[in-house]
Amino acid sequence: MEMPTMQTTPSTQIVNIGGYDIGGSNFTVMAGPCSIESYEQFMETAKGVKASGAHILRGGIWKMRTSSKDFQGLGKNSFDFIKAVCKETNMKLVSEVTDARQIEEVYDIVECFQVGSRNMHNYALLKELGMQRKPVLLKRGFAALITEWIKAAEYVTVGGNPNVILCERGIRTFETSTRNTLDLNAVAFAKKNSHLPVIVDPSHAVGIRALVPDLAYAAAAVGADGIIVEVHPRPAEALSDGMQALTLDDFKNMMMKLDKILTAIDRPLHKVAPHAN
């Protein structure tokens, strides 16, 4: 039986974040820490990833963790310095909201709302985001079918917000050598069976720092519109997901090789916006 899709003729719409068109002819890189831990950590990371060619900042204000005892994010305590970092670096922020009540709290801070894997089926949150004007980055649930992922996006688009980006972040399989299994099939399928741009999160997909760059290259080759990568100045000190975070040098080296791969497939990186005055 033919699988239901959002449309019959594949085409990618453009979703703009901070002046960068995602889904167009250029490739977009989002980078930053899993969790925003301090002004110093966030500023150092932001300046480092921008210098290496990142276009958009990522960083967790709130974090959904398996254990209630783990670091849950700084929340409201980070609002003021996040604004300062974004202004200083002239970069926009993608950050996860885990509750509909958080949308209004961070509306002036976050340029794109991220819906994490655990919340892909949180239809109340998706409906609320459908009433917003800002873009939504929708991560695939770790056990979700591709069609369920696409249908979850429809909760946002039918609510009036067409600016949705799909994000493949790995799925749970029988394999235990890596954190998850990156489903590149899903990237290719979603690109041909929905009109939404598709990016890849290689960090959560593999959970092993040394393997993240290779999966980023594979994502580019299969036709993804961009990647979202975790970077930390000192991963050993990270309060969450340090094992999968690239160092600033790792990220710089990855970006240089990624640029060569993208040039070969005629999918150049966006030019980085100039520093704020």
Protein backbone atom coordinates (compact mmCIF):
# COMPACT_ATOMS: atom_id res chain seq x y z
CA MET A 1 0.00 0.00 0.00
CA GLU A 2 1.33 3.45 -0.88
CA MET A 3 2.48 5.46 2.11
CA PRO A 4 0.55 8.70 2.72
CA THR A 5 2.53 11.89 2.28
CA MET A 6 1.97 15.60 2.65
CA GLN A 7 2.00 16.13 -1.12
CA THR A 8 2.52 14.23 -4.35
CA THR A 9 5.04 16.51 -6.01
CA PRO A 10 8.21 16.92 -3.95
CA SER A 11 9.61 20.40 -3.55
CA THR A 12 11.31 22.14 -0.67
CA GLN A 13 9.92 25.34 0.74
CA ILE A 14 12.26 27.89 2.23
CA VAL A 15 12.35 28.47 5.99
CA ASN A 16 14.38 31.51 6.95
CA ILE A 17 16.20 31.70 10.28
CA GLY A 18 18.27 34.77 11.02
CA GLY A 19 18.68 35.64 7.35
CA TYR A 20 19.64 32.13 6.25
CA ASP A 21 17.33 30.24 3.87
CA ILE A 22 17.03 26.61 4.89
CA GLY A 23 15.84 24.41 2.07
CA GLY A 24 17.38 26.48 -0.71
CA SER A 25 20.52 25.89 -2.75
CA ASN A 26 22.89 26.43 0.18
CA PHE A 27 23.71 24.23 3.18
CA THR A 28 23.08 25.51 6.73
CA VAL A 29 25.02 24.63 9.88
CA MET A 30 23.60 25.09 13.37
CA ALA A 31 26.06 24.57 16.21
CA GLY A 32 26.48 25.11 19.93
CA PRO A 33 26.32 23.38 23.30
CA CYS A 34 23.74 20.80 24.31
CA SER A 35 23.04 22.91 27.40
CA ILE A 36 23.81 26.57 27.96
CA GLU A 37 25.79 26.41 31.20
CA SER A 38 27.16 29.93 31.74
CA TYR A 39 27.81 33.21 29.98
CA GLU A 40 31.49 32.36 29.55
CA GLN A 41 30.83 28.89 28.11
CA PHE A 42 28.13 30.11 25.73
CA MET A 43 30.10 33.14 24.51
CA GLU A 44 33.26 31.11 23.92
CA THR A 45 31.31 28.49 21.99
CA ALA A 46 29.35 31.02 19.96
CA LYS A 47 32.45 32.94 18.88
CA GLY A 48 34.28 29.71 18.09
CA VAL A 49 31.61 28.11 15.94
CA LYS A 50 30.95 31.35 14.06
CA ALA A 51 34.64 31.75 13.28
CA SER A 52 34.58 28.27 11.75
CA GLY A 53 31.53 28.97 9.59
CA ALA A 54 28.43 28.13 11.64
CA HIS A 55 25.35 30.13 10.72
CA ILE A 56 22.94 29.66 13.63
CA LEU A 57 23.47 28.98 17.35
CA ARG A 58 21.94 26.05 19.15
CA GLY A 59 21.76 25.71 22.89
CA GLY A 60 19.46 24.25 25.51
CA ILE A 61 17.77 26.59 27.98
CA TRP A 62 15.70 23.75 29.42
CA LYS A 63 16.71 20.12 29.03
CA MET A 64 14.52 17.05 29.22
CA ARG A 65 16.67 14.38 30.87
CA THR A 66 16.00 10.71 31.51
CA SER A 67 16.98 11.13 35.15
CA SER A 68 15.35 13.83 37.26
CA LYS A 69 18.68 14.18 39.08
CA ASP A 70 20.57 15.28 35.96
CA PHE A 71 21.14 18.91 34.98
CA GLN A 72 17.86 20.32 33.65
CA GLY A 73 19.15 23.59 32.21
CA LEU A 74 19.48 27.11 33.62
CA GLY A 75 16.02 28.23 32.54
CA LYS A 76 15.16 31.86 33.30
CA ASN A 77 18.53 32.47 34.93
CA SER A 78 20.16 32.44 31.49
CA PHE A 79 17.83 34.81 29.61
CA ASP A 80 19.81 38.03 30.00
CA PHE A 81 23.20 36.67 29.07
CA ILE A 82 21.81 34.66 26.13
CA LYS A 83 20.52 37.92 24.66
CA ALA A 84 23.95 39.48 25.21
CA VAL A 85 25.76 36.62 23.46
CA CYS A 86 23.40 36.62 20.47
CA LYS A 87 23.76 40.39 20.10
CA GLU A 88 27.54 40.34 20.44
CA THR A 89 27.98 37.56 17.86
CA ASN A 90 25.12 38.65 15.59
CA MET A 91 23.73 35.10 15.63
CA LYS A 92 20.22 33.77 16.13
CA LEU A 93 19.33 30.97 18.54
CA VAL A 94 17.54 27.66 18.08
CA SER A 95 16.45 26.23 21.43
CA GLU A 96 14.05 23.58 22.67
CA VAL A 97 10.75 24.35 24.35
CA THR A 98 9.38 21.48 26.39
CA ASP A 99 6.12 23.07 27.51
CA ALA A 100 3.68 25.41 25.77
CA ARG A 101 4.06 27.88 28.65
CA GLN A 102 7.72 28.38 27.76
CA ILE A 103 6.93 29.78 24.30
CA GLU A 104 5.96 33.22 25.55
CA GLU A 105 8.84 33.28 28.04
CA VAL A 106 11.53 32.87 25.39
CA TYR A 107 9.78 34.42 22.41
CA ASP A 108 12.12 37.42 22.33
CA ILE A 109 15.22 35.25 22.82
CA VAL A 110 14.70 32.30 20.48
CA GLU A 111 14.52 32.69 16.69
CA CYS A 112 13.45 29.08 16.08
CA PHE A 113 11.63 26.76 18.49
CA GLN A 114 12.96 23.23 18.70
CA VAL A 115 10.68 20.31 19.52
CA GLY A 116 12.73 17.47 20.94
CA SER A 117 12.34 13.78 20.20
CA ARG A 118 10.34 13.12 23.37
CA ASN A 119 7.81 15.79 22.41
CA MET A 120 7.21 14.86 18.79
CA HIS A 121 3.85 13.40 19.85
CA ASN A 122 3.03 16.30 22.20
CA TYR A 123 0.16 17.52 20.06
CA ALA A 124 -0.88 20.27 22.48
CA LEU A 125 2.62 21.79 22.15
CA LEU A 126 2.60 21.36 18.36
CA LYS A 127 -0.79 23.06 18.06
CA GLU A 128 0.45 25.99 20.14
CA LEU A 129 3.52 26.32 17.94
CA GLY A 130 1.21 26.29 14.93
CA MET A 131 -0.17 29.61 16.13
CA GLN A 132 3.28 31.22 16.31
CA ARG A 133 5.10 33.15 13.60
CA LYS A 134 8.58 31.82 14.29
CA PRO A 135 9.98 28.65 12.68
CA VAL A 136 9.80 25.24 14.34
CA LEU A 137 12.51 22.58 14.16
CA LEU A 138 10.77 19.23 14.68
CA LYS A 139 12.97 16.32 15.73
CA ARG A 140 11.85 12.82 14.88
CA GLY A 141 10.77 10.66 17.80
CA PHE A 142 13.33 7.97 18.57
CA ALA A 143 10.76 5.25 17.78
CA ALA A 144 8.57 7.14 15.30
CA LEU A 145 7.72 6.05 11.78
CA ILE A 146 8.65 8.52 9.06
CA THR A 147 4.98 9.07 8.28
CA GLU A 148 4.24 9.77 11.95
CA TRP A 149 7.02 12.37 11.91
CA ILE A 150 5.58 14.06 8.82
CA LYS A 151 2.06 13.95 10.25
CA ALA A 152 3.34 15.53 13.48
CA ALA A 153 4.62 18.42 11.36
CA GLU A 154 1.11 18.86 9.99
CA TYR A 155 -0.13 19.78 13.48
CA VAL A 156 2.05 22.88 13.17
CA THR A 157 1.40 23.69 9.52
CA VAL A 158 -2.39 23.29 9.63
CA GLY A 159 -2.41 25.58 12.65
CA GLY A 160 -1.17 28.39 10.44
CA ASN A 161 2.62 28.19 10.77
CA PRO A 162 4.17 26.82 7.55
CA ASN A 163 7.74 27.30 8.75
CA VAL A 164 8.66 23.80 9.89
CA ILE A 165 12.04 22.09 9.51
CA LEU A 166 12.22 18.31 9.93
CA CYS A 167 15.22 16.97 11.85
CA GLU A 168 16.37 13.35 11.72
CA ARG A 169 18.26 12.62 14.97
CA GLY A 170 18.60 8.86 14.96
CA ILE A 171 16.20 6.14 16.02
CA ARG A 172 16.35 3.40 18.63
CA THR A 173 17.23 0.00 17.14
CA PHE A 174 18.67 -3.28 18.42
CA GLU A 175 22.20 -1.88 17.87
CA THR A 176 23.98 -0.79 21.04
CA SER A 177 27.42 0.20 19.72
CA THR A 178 26.17 3.75 19.15
CA ARG A 179 23.66 5.88 21.01
CA ASN A 180 21.10 5.66 18.20
CA THR A 181 21.03 4.64 14.54
CA LEU A 182 21.06 7.51 12.04
CA ASP A 183 18.32 6.81 9.50
CA LEU A 184 19.53 8.34 6.25
CA ASN A 185 16.66 6.53 4.51
CA ALA A 186 14.35 8.89 6.38
CA VAL A 187 16.21 11.95 5.10
CA ALA A 188 15.95 10.82 1.48
CA PHE A 189 12.30 9.79 1.89
CA ALA A 190 11.24 13.00 3.61
CA LYS A 191 13.00 15.11 0.97
CA LYS A 192 11.02 13.38 -1.76
CA ASN A 193 7.69 13.01 0.05
CA SER A 194 7.21 16.29 1.89
CA HIS A 195 7.69 19.92 1.01
CA LEU A 196 9.58 20.69 4.22
CA PRO A 197 13.34 21.20 4.56
CA VAL A 198 15.18 18.37 6.31
CA ILE A 199 18.28 18.62 8.48
CA VAL A 200 20.26 16.03 10.43
CA ASP A 201 21.53 15.92 14.02
CA PRO A 202 24.60 13.65 13.85
CA SER A 203 25.49 14.30 17.50
CA HIS A 204 22.40 12.64 19.01
CA ALA A 205 22.36 10.06 16.25
CA VAL A 206 25.69 8.48 17.14
CA GLY A 207 26.58 9.78 20.60
CA ILE A 208 30.32 9.36 19.94
CA ARG A 209 32.42 12.47 19.25
CA ALA A 210 34.82 10.82 16.80
CA LEU A 211 31.98 9.64 14.56
CA VAL A 212 29.97 12.87 14.39
CA PRO A 213 31.91 14.42 11.45
CA ASP A 214 31.52 11.30 9.29
CA LEU A 215 27.77 11.32 9.77
CA ALA A 216 27.68 15.04 8.99
CA TYR A 217 29.38 14.34 5.67
CA ALA A 218 26.93 11.52 4.95
CA ALA A 219 24.00 13.82 5.73
CA ALA A 220 25.28 16.36 3.21
CA ALA A 221 25.80 13.68 0.56
CA VAL A 222 22.29 12.23 0.94
CA GLY A 223 20.70 15.63 0.35
CA ALA A 224 19.98 17.09 3.78
CA ASP A 225 19.51 20.85 3.87
CA GLY A 226 21.76 21.29 6.89
CA ILE A 227 23.01 19.86 10.17
CA ILE A 228 22.68 20.74 13.84
CA VAL A 229 25.78 19.82 15.84
CA GLU A 230 26.75 19.92 19.51
CA VAL A 231 29.97 21.79 20.30
CA HIS A 232 31.54 22.54 23.67
CA PRO A 233 34.89 24.24 24.47
CA ARG A 234 35.71 21.50 27.00
CA PRO A 235 33.44 18.48 26.51
CA ALA A 236 34.87 16.68 29.55
CA GLU A 237 33.35 19.45 31.72
CA ALA A 238 29.97 19.50 29.95
CA LEU A 239 26.91 19.13 32.17
CA SER A 240 25.09 17.13 29.50
CA ASP A 241 26.06 14.98 26.50
CA GLY A 242 29.78 15.72 26.67
CA MET A 243 30.70 12.42 25.00
CA GLN A 244 29.11 13.51 21.73
CA ALA A 245 30.11 17.19 21.74
CA LEU A 246 32.81 18.30 19.33
CA THR A 247 35.60 20.51 20.60
CA LEU A 248 36.06 23.85 18.86
CA ASP A 249 39.04 22.40 16.96
CA ASP A 250 37.02 19.32 15.99
CA PHE A 251 34.29 21.57 14.65
CA LYS A 252 36.76 23.71 12.70
CA ASN A 253 38.28 20.63 11.06
CA MET A 254 34.85 19.19 10.26
CA MET A 255 33.72 22.42 8.63
CA MET A 256 36.77 22.56 6.37
CA LYS A 257 36.15 19.05 5.06
CA LEU A 258 32.40 19.57 4.89
CA ASP A 259 32.97 22.64 2.71
CA LYS A 260 34.95 20.54 0.24
CA ILE A 261 32.25 17.86 0.09
CA LEU A 262 29.49 20.42 -0.41
CA THR A 263 31.45 22.15 -3.16
CA ALA A 264 31.82 18.81 -4.95
CA ILE A 265 28.05 18.25 -4.93
CA ASP A 266 27.26 21.87 -5.83
CA ARG A 267 25.66 22.63 -2.46
CA PRO A 268 27.82 25.41 -0.97
CA LEU A 269 27.75 26.61 2.59
CA HIS A 270 26.00 29.90 3.26
CA LYS A 271 28.35 32.81 3.74
CA VAL A 272 28.51 33.77 7.42
CA ALA A 273 26.81 37.02 8.39
CA PRO A 274 29.17 39.82 9.45
CA HIS A 275 29.78 40.69 13.08
CA ALA A 276 27.28 43.03 14.71
CA ASN A 277 28.30 46.66 15.05
